[in-house]
Amino acid sequence: MSKASSPTTTKISSFMLMIIFIVLALSLTAIILAINAWYTPGQELTAGYLLLIGVLGVAMSTYILFQTKKRMLRLKIEAPSITTTIECRKCDFKSIREFQRGDYIFKEVEPCQKCNVNMLITAIYREVKERKRERFPF
């Protein structure tokens, strides 16, 4: 019995990635300009500001990238388990199996294991799991 599950969604939006990488590129550019300005006479103050902007930009963009990835992993969606109940009309034998494509209620399926009469799908349902509620720190 294989468990059919759809892939989880953990994709970061391309717009957000683009903004993060633009800020990262600009920050690295500011660090390079700070290094060049450091060796230019009279530009030590400008070099300090550029270095500060560059380091803060790199730190901020990497932090946002890791936090976004962490949030996406927390919000992943898993497909619920769907179960099919099959019953025999003659001997009341009941069988429970995982949902298969093409199942519908009142569909006749394989013969009963006890009396060899075709069994009937009587219920299709998903199992509801209780979720943990997260407490917010505020």
Protein backbone atom coordinates (compact mmCIF):
# COMPACT_ATOMS: atom_id res chain seq x y z
CA MET A 1 0.00 0.00 0.00
CA SER A 2 1.77 3.15 -1.17
CA LYS A 3 0.95 6.53 0.22
CA ALA A 4 0.09 8.98 -2.55
CA SER A 5 1.04 12.49 -1.62
CA SER A 6 1.48 15.61 -3.65
CA PRO A 7 4.73 17.56 -3.43
CA THR A 8 4.87 20.16 -0.73
CA THR A 9 4.96 23.79 -1.64
CA THR A 10 8.08 25.45 -0.35
CA LYS A 11 8.92 27.89 -3.11
CA ILE A 12 10.11 31.42 -2.40
CA SER A 13 8.59 33.98 -4.76
CA SER A 14 10.85 35.01 -7.62
CA PHE A 15 10.13 38.70 -6.93
CA MET A 16 11.39 38.37 -3.36
CA LEU A 17 14.50 36.49 -4.51
CA MET A 18 15.20 39.18 -7.11
CA ILE A 19 15.01 41.94 -4.49
CA ILE A 20 17.24 40.00 -2.08
CA PHE A 21 19.91 39.38 -4.72
CA ILE A 22 19.80 43.00 -5.95
CA VAL A 23 20.38 44.22 -2.37
CA LEU A 24 23.15 41.64 -2.00
CA ALA A 25 24.83 42.77 -5.25
CA LEU A 26 24.58 46.45 -4.28
CA SER A 27 26.02 45.66 -0.85
CA LEU A 28 28.97 43.81 -2.33
CA THR A 29 29.51 46.73 -4.70
CA ALA A 30 29.53 49.10 -1.72
CA ILE A 31 32.14 46.93 0.00
CA ILE A 32 34.34 46.97 -3.12
CA LEU A 33 33.97 50.76 -3.41
CA ALA A 34 34.84 51.08 0.28
CA ILE A 35 38.06 49.14 -0.26
CA ASN A 36 38.96 51.36 -3.24
CA ALA A 37 38.10 54.54 -1.30
CA TRP A 38 40.19 53.40 1.67
CA TYR A 39 43.37 53.62 -0.41
CA THR A 40 42.45 57.04 -1.84
CA PRO A 41 43.85 59.89 0.28
CA GLY A 42 41.15 61.92 2.06
CA GLN A 43 38.36 59.36 1.46
CA GLU A 44 38.62 57.43 4.73
CA LEU A 45 35.25 58.72 6.00
CA THR A 46 33.52 57.79 2.73
CA ALA A 47 35.18 54.37 2.87
CA GLY A 48 33.83 53.85 6.39
CA TYR A 49 30.29 54.74 5.36
CA LEU A 50 30.43 52.53 2.28
CA LEU A 51 31.81 49.65 4.32
CA LEU A 52 29.05 50.08 6.90
CA ILE A 53 26.36 50.17 4.18
CA GLY A 54 27.86 47.11 2.47
CA VAL A 55 28.14 45.01 5.61
CA LEU A 56 24.63 45.93 6.77
CA GLY A 57 23.21 45.15 3.31
CA VAL A 58 24.90 41.74 3.15
CA ALA A 59 23.77 40.90 6.67
CA MET A 60 20.21 42.06 6.02
CA SER A 61 19.81 40.21 2.71
CA THR A 62 21.22 36.93 4.04
CA TYR A 63 19.05 37.19 7.16
CA ILE A 64 15.91 37.78 5.09
CA LEU A 65 16.81 34.93 2.74
CA PHE A 66 17.26 32.45 5.60
CA GLN A 67 14.14 33.65 7.44
CA THR A 68 12.03 33.35 4.27
CA LYS A 69 13.33 29.83 3.68
CA LYS A 70 12.63 28.93 7.31
CA ARG A 71 9.08 30.30 7.07
CA MET A 72 8.44 28.38 3.83
CA LEU A 73 9.51 25.14 5.49
CA ARG A 74 7.13 25.85 8.37
CA LEU A 75 4.22 26.56 6.02
CA LYS A 76 4.57 23.51 3.78
CA ILE A 77 1.29 21.88 2.88
CA GLU A 78 0.88 18.13 3.02
CA ALA A 79 -1.88 16.30 1.19
CA PRO A 80 -4.36 14.70 3.59
CA SER A 81 -4.71 10.93 3.71
CA ILE A 82 -7.91 9.84 1.93
CA THR A 83 -9.43 6.51 2.93
CA THR A 84 -11.98 4.29 1.15
CA THR A 85 -14.32 1.95 3.05
CA ILE A 86 -15.49 -1.15 1.18
CA GLU A 87 -18.31 -3.37 2.50
CA CYS A 88 -19.85 -6.65 1.44
CA ARG A 89 -23.66 -6.51 1.11
CA LYS A 90 -24.10 -10.19 1.91
CA CYS A 91 -21.86 -10.94 4.92
CA ASP A 92 -21.14 -7.37 6.19
CA PHE A 93 -17.37 -7.85 5.83
CA LYS A 94 -15.69 -4.45 5.95
CA SER A 95 -12.35 -3.48 4.41
CA ILE A 96 -10.55 -0.16 4.63
CA ARG A 97 -7.90 0.87 2.11
CA GLU A 98 -6.26 3.98 0.76
CA PHE A 99 -8.19 5.92 -1.89
CA GLN A 100 -7.41 4.98 -5.47
CA ARG A 101 -8.08 7.11 -8.53
CA GLY A 102 -11.49 6.22 -9.94
CA ASP A 103 -13.10 5.34 -6.60
CA TYR A 104 -16.61 6.61 -6.01
CA ILE A 105 -19.40 5.72 -3.60
CA PHE A 106 -21.57 2.69 -4.58
CA LYS A 107 -18.93 1.44 -7.03
CA GLU A 108 -18.66 -2.34 -7.15
CA VAL A 109 -15.09 -3.51 -6.62
CA GLU A 110 -13.23 -6.78 -6.00
CA PRO A 111 -15.03 -9.86 -4.66
CA CYS A 112 -15.39 -10.42 -0.92
CA GLN A 113 -12.74 -12.56 0.75
CA LYS A 114 -15.37 -14.52 2.70
CA CYS A 115 -18.34 -15.06 0.41
CA ASN A 116 -16.97 -14.14 -3.06
CA VAL A 117 -19.71 -11.56 -3.78
CA ASN A 118 -18.68 -8.19 -5.30
CA MET A 119 -18.10 -5.62 -2.58
CA LEU A 120 -19.34 -2.02 -2.63
CA ILE A 121 -17.56 1.25 -1.76
CA THR A 122 -19.66 2.81 1.01
CA ALA A 123 -17.54 5.72 2.21
CA ILE A 124 -14.67 7.95 1.08
CA TYR A 125 -13.24 10.33 3.64
CA ARG A 126 -10.07 12.07 4.69
CA GLU A 127 -8.51 11.63 8.07
CA VAL A 128 -8.39 14.88 10.01
CA LYS A 129 -5.31 15.34 12.16
CA GLU A 130 -5.28 17.80 15.01
CA ARG A 131 -2.76 20.58 14.42
CA LYS A 132 -0.59 22.08 17.09
CA ARG A 133 -1.44 25.69 17.59
CA GLU A 134 1.59 27.91 17.69
CA ARG A 135 1.78 30.52 20.35
CA PHE A 136 2.96 33.86 19.18
CA PRO A 137 5.53 35.62 21.34
CA PHE A 138 3.63 38.89 21.43
